[in-house]
Amino acid sequence: MDVYSIITERIIEAGAGHGPVASKEDLKRFPLIAQKRIGFTLKMAQMGEKHPDAKPMRGFGGGSVVEVVEDYDRNTYRAVYTV
């Protein structure tokens, strides 16, 4: 898994979400707390480990597509990666 190729998406609680983005620079737009928590989870994935908050996405078969969700300040931040 490559941090630069993760797909991230920011979903705002009010429903006005932003479309998928796919770069480390986009991840850097998240609040610092969300960056650190999601970044730590992605670092674990790079090392071949799985963070307890990383969950397989439904509909993709097996656990090859993994989602990390971080709630912060009434917003939800999401990173999706493949293994």
Protein backbone atom coordinates (compact mmCIF):
# COMPACT_ATOMS: atom_id res chain seq x y z
CA MET A 1 0.00 0.00 0.00
CA ASP A 2 1.32 3.42 -0.97
CA VAL A 3 0.21 6.48 1.01
CA TYR A 4 0.33 8.53 -2.18
CA SER A 5 -2.20 6.26 -3.88
CA ILE A 6 -4.81 6.13 -1.15
CA ILE A 7 -8.26 7.29 -2.00
CA THR A 8 -9.61 9.75 0.51
CA GLU A 9 -12.94 11.34 0.83
CA ARG A 10 -14.23 13.97 3.22
CA ILE A 11 -17.88 13.69 4.08
CA ILE A 12 -19.41 16.67 5.81
CA GLU A 13 -22.21 15.89 8.26
CA ALA A 14 -24.52 18.38 6.56
CA GLY A 15 -24.41 16.21 3.46
CA ALA A 16 -22.31 18.47 1.26
CA GLY A 17 -19.44 16.03 0.76
CA HIS A 18 -16.43 16.37 -1.49
CA GLY A 19 -15.73 13.80 -4.19
CA PRO A 20 -12.92 11.25 -3.96
CA VAL A 21 -9.37 12.48 -4.03
CA ALA A 22 -6.21 10.45 -4.35
CA SER A 23 -3.08 12.03 -2.93
CA LYS A 24 -1.15 12.72 0.20
CA GLU A 25 -1.74 16.43 -0.41
CA ASP A 26 -5.50 15.84 -0.16
CA LEU A 27 -5.02 13.97 3.10
CA LYS A 28 -3.12 17.01 4.38
CA ARG A 29 -6.33 19.06 3.98
CA PHE A 30 -7.91 17.07 6.81
CA PRO A 31 -7.68 18.52 10.34
CA LEU A 32 -4.40 17.61 12.05
CA ILE A 33 -6.04 15.14 14.44
CA ALA A 34 -7.73 13.28 11.56
CA GLN A 35 -4.45 13.31 9.60
CA LYS A 36 -2.54 11.77 12.49
CA ARG A 37 -5.08 9.06 13.26
CA ILE A 38 -5.66 8.07 9.63
CA GLY A 39 -1.94 8.42 8.89
CA PHE A 40 -1.05 6.05 11.72
CA THR A 41 -3.54 3.50 10.41
CA LEU A 42 -2.07 3.80 6.90
CA LYS A 43 1.47 3.44 8.28
CA MET A 44 0.44 0.21 9.99
CA ALA A 45 -0.96 -1.03 6.66
CA GLN A 46 2.35 -0.21 4.97
CA MET A 47 4.08 -2.39 7.56
CA GLY A 48 1.69 -5.27 6.86
CA GLU A 49 -0.39 -4.80 10.00
CA LYS A 50 -4.05 -3.94 10.44
CA HIS A 51 -5.26 -1.24 12.81
CA PRO A 52 -8.39 -2.21 14.81
CA ASP A 53 -10.25 0.76 13.25
CA ALA A 54 -9.53 -0.39 9.68
CA LYS A 55 -12.59 -2.27 8.40
CA PRO A 56 -13.11 -4.20 5.13
CA MET A 57 -15.58 -2.46 2.84
CA ARG A 58 -18.68 -4.42 1.90
CA GLY A 59 -19.31 -5.42 -1.68
CA PHE A 60 -15.68 -5.86 -2.70
CA GLY A 61 -15.21 -9.49 -1.61
CA GLY A 62 -12.73 -10.46 1.04
CA GLY A 63 -10.78 -7.79 2.83
CA SER A 64 -8.83 -6.33 -0.08
CA VAL A 65 -10.50 -2.88 0.11
CA VAL A 66 -10.18 -1.37 3.57
CA GLU A 67 -11.79 1.76 4.99
CA VAL A 68 -10.69 3.98 7.86
CA VAL A 69 -13.19 6.49 9.23
CA GLU A 70 -12.37 9.31 11.61
CA ASP A 71 -15.05 11.53 13.15
CA TYR A 72 -13.85 14.96 14.21
CA ASP A 73 -15.67 18.23 14.92
CA ARG A 74 -19.03 17.00 13.56
CA ASN A 75 -17.39 15.92 10.27
CA THR A 76 -16.39 12.49 9.04
CA TYR A 77 -13.07 11.86 7.29
CA ARG A 78 -12.48 8.68 5.35
CA ALA A 79 -9.54 6.93 3.71
CA VAL A 80 -9.93 3.86 1.56
CA TYR A 81 -6.98 1.71 0.53
CA THR A 82 -6.28 -1.68 -1.02
CA VAL A 83 -4.03 -4.42 0.28
